[in-house]
Amino acid sequence: MNNQTANILHRINRSLPYLFFGALICMGIGYWIMQYRLKQHYVLTVGTVLEYNINSRGPGGTVKYAYKVKGKLYYSSNPYPEIHRSGKDSIVGKQFPVAYDTADVDNSRILITTKRFKEFSIPFPDSLLWIEDYETDW
């Protein structure tokens, strides 16, 4: 390998960490914008929990759910570290409110716990008080 090629590779290797962290920052900003838009332009519908996959390394898990908007079925998933593992069988098959962005229907969140209702400034319904038995302080 000649000296010029080695210099080019050395410069590329020095730039990689900056590119990596720059990409992470851009992804974080994109996620924040999506969440902001959802909270500004949401409409509620009803969704059904299809699965609750337990996180093997930490608390809680991921909720996979389905919801309909104008007759079309959508699927999504949200992390739920605040739902204890023992609640897995209790929430699968149950229906909960889903907030979705009117401009981007795929951008949604299922509202199961008191924490998620508070994020949208929606009062927690009495009909879901049973879910508090499975909430953790995460």
N, C-alpha and C. Protein backbone atom coordinates (compact mmCIF):
# COMPACT_ATOMS: atom_id res chain seq x y z
N MET A 1 0.86 -1.16 0.00
CA MET A 1 0.00 0.00 0.00
C MET A 1 0.91 1.23 0.00
N ASN A 2 0.59 2.14 -0.88
CA ASN A 2 1.44 3.34 -0.95
C ASN A 2 1.07 4.34 0.14
N ASN A 3 1.89 5.34 0.28
CA ASN A 3 1.76 6.33 1.35
C ASN A 3 0.49 7.16 1.20
N GLN A 4 0.10 7.48 -0.03
CA GLN A 4 -1.09 8.30 -0.27
C GLN A 4 -2.35 7.55 0.16
N THR A 5 -2.45 6.27 -0.17
CA THR A 5 -3.60 5.45 0.23
C THR A 5 -3.67 5.33 1.74
N ALA A 6 -2.53 5.15 2.38
CA ALA A 6 -2.49 5.05 3.84
C ALA A 6 -2.98 6.34 4.49
N ASN A 7 -2.61 7.48 3.94
CA ASN A 7 -3.07 8.77 4.48
C ASN A 7 -4.58 8.93 4.35
N ILE A 8 -5.11 8.51 3.21
CA ILE A 8 -6.57 8.60 2.99
C ILE A 8 -7.30 7.72 3.99
N LEU A 9 -6.83 6.49 4.16
CA LEU A 9 -7.47 5.57 5.11
C LEU A 9 -7.36 6.10 6.55
N HIS A 10 -6.25 6.70 6.87
CA HIS A 10 -6.06 7.26 8.20
C HIS A 10 -7.06 8.40 8.45
N ARG A 11 -7.27 9.26 7.47
CA ARG A 11 -8.23 10.36 7.60
C ARG A 11 -9.66 9.84 7.73
N ILE A 12 -9.97 8.80 6.96
CA ILE A 12 -11.31 8.21 7.05
C ILE A 12 -11.53 7.63 8.45
N ASN A 13 -10.55 6.89 8.95
CA ASN A 13 -10.67 6.29 10.29
C ASN A 13 -10.82 7.35 11.38
N ARG A 14 -10.16 8.48 11.23
CA ARG A 14 -10.29 9.56 12.21
C ARG A 14 -11.67 10.20 12.15
N SER A 15 -12.31 10.18 10.99
CA SER A 15 -13.62 10.82 10.82
C SER A 15 -14.78 9.93 11.25
N LEU A 16 -14.59 8.62 11.28
CA LEU A 16 -15.69 7.70 11.56
C LEU A 16 -16.40 7.96 12.89
N PRO A 17 -15.71 8.19 13.99
CA PRO A 17 -16.46 8.47 15.24
C PRO A 17 -17.36 9.70 15.14
N TYR A 18 -16.88 10.74 14.46
CA TYR A 18 -17.70 11.95 14.30
C TYR A 18 -18.92 11.68 13.43
N LEU A 19 -18.75 10.90 12.38
CA LEU A 19 -19.88 10.54 11.53
C LEU A 19 -20.89 9.70 12.30
N PHE A 20 -20.39 8.76 13.09
CA PHE A 20 -21.27 7.89 13.88
C PHE A 20 -22.09 8.71 14.87
N PHE A 21 -21.43 9.55 15.65
CA PHE A 21 -22.14 10.36 16.64
C PHE A 21 -23.05 11.40 15.98
N GLY A 22 -22.65 11.91 14.84
CA GLY A 22 -23.51 12.83 14.09
C GLY A 22 -24.79 12.14 13.64
N ALA A 23 -24.66 10.90 13.17
CA ALA A 23 -25.83 10.13 12.76
C ALA A 23 -26.75 9.85 13.95
N LEU A 24 -26.16 9.52 15.10
CA LEU A 24 -26.97 9.29 16.31
C LEU A 24 -27.73 10.55 16.72
N ILE A 25 -27.08 11.67 16.65
CA ILE A 25 -27.73 12.94 17.00
C ILE A 25 -28.88 13.23 16.04
N CYS A 26 -28.67 13.01 14.75
CA CYS A 26 -29.73 13.23 13.76
C CYS A 26 -30.92 12.30 14.01
N MET A 27 -30.64 11.03 14.34
CA MET A 27 -31.73 10.10 14.63
C MET A 27 -32.49 10.52 15.89
N GLY A 28 -31.78 10.99 16.90
CA GLY A 28 -32.43 11.46 18.12
C GLY A 28 -33.31 12.66 17.87
N ILE A 29 -32.83 13.59 17.07
CA ILE A 29 -33.63 14.77 16.73
C ILE A 29 -34.87 14.36 15.94
N GLY A 30 -34.70 13.43 15.00
CA GLY A 30 -35.84 12.94 14.22
C GLY A 30 -36.89 12.29 15.11
N TYR A 31 -36.45 11.49 16.07
CA TYR A 31 -37.38 10.84 17.01
C TYR A 31 -38.11 11.90 17.84
N TRP A 32 -37.37 12.89 18.33
CA TRP A 32 -37.98 13.95 19.14
C TRP A 32 -39.04 14.71 18.33
N ILE A 33 -38.74 15.01 17.07
CA ILE A 33 -39.69 15.72 16.21
C ILE A 33 -40.96 14.89 16.01
N MET A 34 -40.79 13.58 15.78
CA MET A 34 -41.96 12.71 15.61
C MET A 34 -42.83 12.71 16.86
N GLN A 35 -42.21 12.62 18.04
CA GLN A 35 -42.97 12.61 19.28
C GLN A 35 -43.66 13.96 19.52
N TYR A 36 -42.98 15.04 19.20
CA TYR A 36 -43.57 16.37 19.34
C TYR A 36 -44.79 16.51 18.43
N ARG A 37 -44.65 16.09 17.18
CA ARG A 37 -45.77 16.19 16.23
C ARG A 37 -46.94 15.34 16.68
N LEU A 38 -46.64 14.15 17.20
CA LEU A 38 -47.71 13.27 17.67
C LEU A 38 -48.49 13.95 18.79
N LYS A 39 -47.80 14.55 19.73
CA LYS A 39 -48.49 15.19 20.86
C LYS A 39 -49.23 16.46 20.45
N GLN A 40 -48.85 17.07 19.35
CA GLN A 40 -49.52 18.29 18.88
C GLN A 40 -50.73 17.99 18.00
N HIS A 41 -50.70 16.88 17.25
CA HIS A 41 -51.73 16.60 16.24
C HIS A 41 -52.35 15.22 16.39
N TYR A 42 -52.56 14.77 17.61
CA TYR A 42 -53.05 13.40 17.77
C TYR A 42 -54.57 13.31 17.76
N VAL A 43 -55.03 12.13 17.38
CA VAL A 43 -56.43 11.74 17.46
C VAL A 43 -56.42 10.38 18.13
N LEU A 44 -57.43 10.10 18.94
CA LEU A 44 -57.50 8.81 19.63
C LEU A 44 -58.35 7.82 18.86
N THR A 45 -57.91 6.57 18.88
CA THR A 45 -58.68 5.46 18.36
C THR A 45 -58.47 4.30 19.33
N VAL A 46 -59.00 3.15 19.02
CA VAL A 46 -58.85 1.98 19.89
C VAL A 46 -57.89 1.00 19.24
N GLY A 47 -56.98 0.47 20.04
CA GLY A 47 -56.04 -0.53 19.55
C GLY A 47 -56.09 -1.77 20.41
N THR A 48 -55.65 -2.89 19.85
CA THR A 48 -55.62 -4.16 20.55
C THR A 48 -54.19 -4.63 20.72
N VAL A 49 -53.81 -5.02 21.92
CA VAL A 49 -52.47 -5.54 22.18
C VAL A 49 -52.37 -6.94 21.58
N LEU A 50 -51.40 -7.13 20.69
CA LEU A 50 -51.19 -8.43 20.05
C LEU A 50 -50.15 -9.26 20.78
N GLU A 51 -49.10 -8.60 21.25
CA GLU A 51 -48.00 -9.30 21.94
C GLU A 51 -47.40 -8.39 22.99
N TYR A 52 -46.80 -9.03 23.99
CA TYR A 52 -45.98 -8.31 24.95
C TYR A 52 -44.69 -9.10 25.08
N ASN A 53 -43.63 -8.60 24.46
CA ASN A 53 -42.34 -9.28 24.46
C ASN A 53 -41.49 -8.76 25.61
N ILE A 54 -41.14 -9.65 26.52
CA ILE A 54 -40.38 -9.28 27.70
C ILE A 54 -38.95 -8.94 27.32
N ASN A 55 -38.43 -7.86 27.89
CA ASN A 55 -37.05 -7.45 27.68
C ASN A 55 -36.16 -8.34 28.53
N SER A 56 -35.25 -9.06 27.89
CA SER A 56 -34.41 -10.01 28.63
C SER A 56 -33.32 -9.33 29.45
N ARG A 57 -32.99 -8.09 29.15
CA ARG A 57 -31.89 -7.42 29.85
C ARG A 57 -32.32 -6.32 30.81
N GLY A 58 -33.54 -5.95 30.79
CA GLY A 58 -33.97 -4.85 31.65
C GLY A 58 -35.42 -5.01 32.05
N PRO A 59 -35.99 -3.96 32.59
CA PRO A 59 -37.38 -4.04 33.04
C PRO A 59 -38.37 -3.98 31.88
N GLY A 60 -39.55 -4.51 32.13
CA GLY A 60 -40.64 -4.40 31.17
C GLY A 60 -40.42 -5.12 29.87
N GLY A 61 -40.95 -4.53 28.81
CA GLY A 61 -40.85 -5.14 27.49
C GLY A 61 -41.41 -4.24 26.42
N THR A 62 -41.77 -4.85 25.30
CA THR A 62 -42.29 -4.12 24.15
C THR A 62 -43.70 -4.60 23.84
N VAL A 63 -44.61 -3.66 23.66
CA VAL A 63 -46.00 -3.96 23.33
C VAL A 63 -46.19 -3.81 21.83
N LYS A 64 -46.65 -4.89 21.18
CA LYS A 64 -47.01 -4.83 19.76
C LYS A 64 -48.53 -4.74 19.71
N TYR A 65 -49.04 -3.81 18.89
CA TYR A 65 -50.48 -3.57 18.85
C TYR A 65 -50.96 -3.27 17.44
N ALA A 66 -52.27 -3.37 17.26
CA ALA A 66 -52.92 -3.06 15.98
C ALA A 66 -54.04 -2.06 16.24
N TYR A 67 -54.26 -1.18 15.26
CA TYR A 67 -55.34 -0.20 15.36
C TYR A 67 -55.83 0.12 13.96
N LYS A 68 -57.09 0.56 13.87
CA LYS A 68 -57.69 0.90 12.58
C LYS A 68 -57.92 2.40 12.48
N VAL A 69 -57.62 2.92 11.28
CA VAL A 69 -57.92 4.31 10.95
C VAL A 69 -58.57 4.31 9.58
N LYS A 70 -59.79 4.80 9.51
CA LYS A 70 -60.55 4.85 8.25
C LYS A 70 -60.58 3.50 7.55
N GLY A 71 -60.80 2.45 8.33
CA GLY A 71 -60.94 1.11 7.78
C GLY A 71 -59.64 0.39 7.46
N LYS A 72 -58.51 1.07 7.58
CA LYS A 72 -57.22 0.44 7.29
C LYS A 72 -56.55 0.03 8.60
N LEU A 73 -56.00 -1.19 8.62
CA LEU A 73 -55.36 -1.72 9.82
C LEU A 73 -53.88 -1.36 9.84
N TYR A 74 -53.42 -0.85 10.97
CA TYR A 74 -52.01 -0.47 11.17
C TYR A 74 -51.44 -1.27 12.33
N TYR A 75 -50.14 -1.54 12.26
CA TYR A 75 -49.44 -2.26 13.32
C TYR A 75 -48.28 -1.39 13.80
N SER A 76 -48.03 -1.45 15.09
CA SER A 76 -46.90 -0.71 15.64
C SER A 76 -46.47 -1.37 16.95
N SER A 77 -45.39 -0.86 17.52
CA SER A 77 -44.94 -1.36 18.83
C SER A 77 -44.30 -0.21 19.60
N ASN A 78 -44.42 -0.28 20.91
CA ASN A 78 -43.84 0.73 21.80
C ASN A 78 -43.16 0.03 22.97
N PRO A 79 -42.00 0.54 23.40
CA PRO A 79 -41.37 -0.01 24.61
C PRO A 79 -42.18 0.39 25.84
N TYR A 80 -42.30 -0.53 26.76
CA TYR A 80 -43.02 -0.27 28.01
C TYR A 80 -42.23 -0.80 29.19
N PRO A 81 -41.16 -0.08 29.59
CA PRO A 81 -40.39 -0.56 30.74
C PRO A 81 -41.17 -0.47 32.05
N GLU A 82 -42.25 0.32 32.06
CA GLU A 82 -43.00 0.49 33.31
C GLU A 82 -44.06 -0.58 33.54
N ILE A 83 -44.23 -1.54 32.61
CA ILE A 83 -45.16 -2.64 32.84
C ILE A 83 -44.36 -3.85 33.31
N HIS A 84 -44.68 -4.34 34.49
CA HIS A 84 -43.98 -5.49 35.06
C HIS A 84 -44.23 -6.73 34.20
N ARG A 85 -43.27 -7.61 34.20
CA ARG A 85 -43.35 -8.85 33.40
C ARG A 85 -44.57 -9.68 33.75
N SER A 86 -45.02 -9.61 34.98
CA SER A 86 -46.17 -10.40 35.39
C SER A 86 -47.46 -9.94 34.71
N GLY A 87 -47.44 -8.76 34.11
CA GLY A 87 -48.62 -8.24 33.42
C GLY A 87 -48.76 -8.72 31.99
N LYS A 88 -47.82 -9.53 31.53
CA LYS A 88 -47.80 -9.96 30.13
C LYS A 88 -49.13 -10.57 29.70
N ASP A 89 -49.59 -11.57 30.40
CA ASP A 89 -50.81 -12.26 29.99
C ASP A 89 -52.06 -11.43 30.24
N SER A 90 -51.97 -10.45 31.11
CA SER A 90 -53.13 -9.64 31.44
C SER A 90 -53.45 -8.59 30.38
N ILE A 91 -52.45 -8.16 29.60
CA ILE A 91 -52.72 -7.09 28.63
C ILE A 91 -52.90 -7.60 27.20
N VAL A 92 -52.39 -8.80 26.89
CA VAL A 92 -52.51 -9.33 25.52
C VAL A 92 -53.99 -9.60 25.23
N GLY A 93 -54.44 -9.09 24.10
CA GLY A 93 -55.83 -9.25 23.69
C GLY A 93 -56.75 -8.14 24.18
N LYS A 94 -56.26 -7.31 25.07
CA LYS A 94 -57.07 -6.21 25.61
C LYS A 94 -56.98 -4.98 24.70
N GLN A 95 -58.01 -4.14 24.81
CA GLN A 95 -58.06 -2.91 24.01
C GLN A 95 -57.71 -1.70 24.87
N PHE A 96 -56.95 -0.78 24.25
CA PHE A 96 -56.51 0.44 24.91
C PHE A 96 -56.58 1.59 23.91
N PRO A 97 -56.63 2.83 24.39
CA PRO A 97 -56.58 3.97 23.47
C PRO A 97 -55.23 4.04 22.75
N VAL A 98 -55.28 4.45 21.50
CA VAL A 98 -54.07 4.69 20.70
C VAL A 98 -54.13 6.12 20.19
N ALA A 99 -53.06 6.87 20.44
CA ALA A 99 -52.94 8.22 19.90
C ALA A 99 -52.12 8.13 18.62
N TYR A 100 -52.66 8.65 17.52
CA TYR A 100 -51.90 8.64 16.27
C TYR A 100 -51.87 10.05 15.68
N ASP A 101 -50.83 10.32 14.91
CA ASP A 101 -50.62 11.62 14.28
C ASP A 101 -51.52 11.72 13.06
N THR A 102 -52.30 12.78 12.96
CA THR A 102 -53.20 12.93 11.82
C THR A 102 -52.46 13.10 10.50
N ALA A 103 -51.24 13.62 10.56
CA ALA A 103 -50.45 13.82 9.34
C ALA A 103 -49.64 12.58 8.97
N ASP A 104 -49.40 11.69 9.94
CA ASP A 104 -48.62 10.47 9.72
C ASP A 104 -49.23 9.38 10.59
N VAL A 105 -50.17 8.64 10.03
CA VAL A 105 -50.95 7.66 10.79
C VAL A 105 -50.07 6.56 11.38
N ASP A 106 -48.92 6.29 10.77
CA ASP A 106 -48.01 5.28 11.30
C ASP A 106 -47.33 5.73 12.59
N ASN A 107 -47.33 7.01 12.87
CA ASN A 107 -46.72 7.55 14.08
C ASN A 107 -47.77 7.48 15.19
N SER A 108 -47.62 6.51 16.10
CA SER A 108 -48.65 6.29 17.11
C SER A 108 -48.05 5.81 18.42
N ARG A 109 -48.87 5.87 19.48
CA ARG A 109 -48.53 5.33 20.80
C ARG A 109 -49.77 4.75 21.42
N ILE A 110 -49.62 3.56 21.96
CA ILE A 110 -50.73 2.96 22.69
C ILE A 110 -50.63 3.44 24.14
N LEU A 111 -51.76 3.83 24.70
CA LEU A 111 -51.80 4.40 26.05
C LEU A 111 -52.31 3.33 27.01
N ILE A 112 -51.38 2.77 27.78
CA ILE A 112 -51.74 1.70 28.71
C ILE A 112 -51.59 2.16 30.15
N THR A 113 -50.47 2.77 30.47
CA THR A 113 -50.17 3.11 31.87
C THR A 113 -50.51 4.57 32.19
N THR A 114 -50.56 4.86 33.47
CA THR A 114 -50.85 6.23 33.91
C THR A 114 -49.80 7.20 33.36
N LYS A 115 -48.56 6.75 33.29
CA LYS A 115 -47.47 7.60 32.77
C LYS A 115 -47.76 8.03 31.33
N ARG A 116 -48.21 7.11 30.49
CA ARG A 116 -48.46 7.44 29.09
C ARG A 116 -49.66 8.36 28.94
N PHE A 117 -50.68 8.19 29.76
CA PHE A 117 -51.82 9.10 29.70
C PHE A 117 -51.40 10.51 30.10
N LYS A 118 -50.52 10.61 31.12
CA LYS A 118 -50.04 11.92 31.56
C LYS A 118 -49.25 12.63 30.46
N GLU A 119 -48.49 11.86 29.67
CA GLU A 119 -47.71 12.46 28.59
C GLU A 119 -48.59 13.21 27.59
N PHE A 120 -49.84 12.76 27.46
CA PHE A 120 -50.77 13.40 26.54
C PHE A 120 -51.79 14.27 27.27
N SER A 121 -51.60 14.46 28.57
CA SER A 121 -52.52 15.25 29.41
C SER A 121 -53.95 14.75 29.32
N ILE A 122 -54.08 13.42 29.31
CA ILE A 122 -55.39 12.78 29.26
C ILE A 122 -55.63 12.13 30.63
N PRO A 123 -56.80 12.35 31.23
CA PRO A 123 -57.08 11.71 32.52
C PRO A 123 -57.09 10.18 32.38
N PHE A 124 -56.52 9.51 33.37
CA PHE A 124 -56.48 8.05 33.36
C PHE A 124 -57.88 7.52 33.65
N PRO A 125 -58.43 6.67 32.76
CA PRO A 125 -59.81 6.20 32.95
C PRO A 125 -59.93 5.17 34.08
N ASP A 126 -61.05 5.22 34.78
CA ASP A 126 -61.32 4.26 35.85
C ASP A 126 -61.35 2.83 35.34
N SER A 127 -61.75 2.65 34.10
CA SER A 127 -61.84 1.30 33.54
C SER A 127 -60.48 0.62 33.40
N LEU A 128 -59.39 1.39 33.52
CA LEU A 128 -58.05 0.82 33.40
C LEU A 128 -57.30 0.79 34.73
N LEU A 129 -57.99 1.02 35.83
CA LEU A 129 -57.32 1.03 37.13
C LEU A 129 -56.62 -0.29 37.43
N TRP A 130 -57.09 -1.39 36.86
CA TRP A 130 -56.48 -2.71 37.09
C TRP A 130 -55.04 -2.76 36.59
N ILE A 131 -54.68 -1.93 35.61
CA ILE A 131 -53.32 -1.96 35.05
C ILE A 131 -52.30 -1.45 36.07
N GLU A 132 -52.75 -0.65 37.04
CA GLU A 132 -51.84 -0.13 38.06
C GLU A 132 -51.18 -1.25 38.87
N ASP A 133 -51.83 -2.41 38.94
CA ASP A 133 -51.24 -3.56 39.64
C ASP A 133 -49.97 -4.05 38.96
N TYR A 134 -49.78 -3.72 37.68
CA TYR A 134 -48.63 -4.21 36.91
C TYR A 134 -47.62 -3.11 36.61
N GLU A 135 -47.87 -1.91 37.09
CA GLU A 135 -46.95 -0.80 36.83
C GLU A 135 -45.77 -0.83 37.79
N THR A 136 -44.59 -0.50 37.26
CA THR A 136 -43.40 -0.38 38.09
C THR A 136 -42.99 1.09 38.14
N ASP A 137 -42.00 1.41 38.92
CA ASP A 137 -41.55 2.80 39.06
C ASP A 137 -40.47 3.17 38.06
N TRP A 138 -40.37 2.50 36.98
CA TRP A 138 -39.31 2.74 35.99
C TRP A 138 -39.42 4.11 35.40
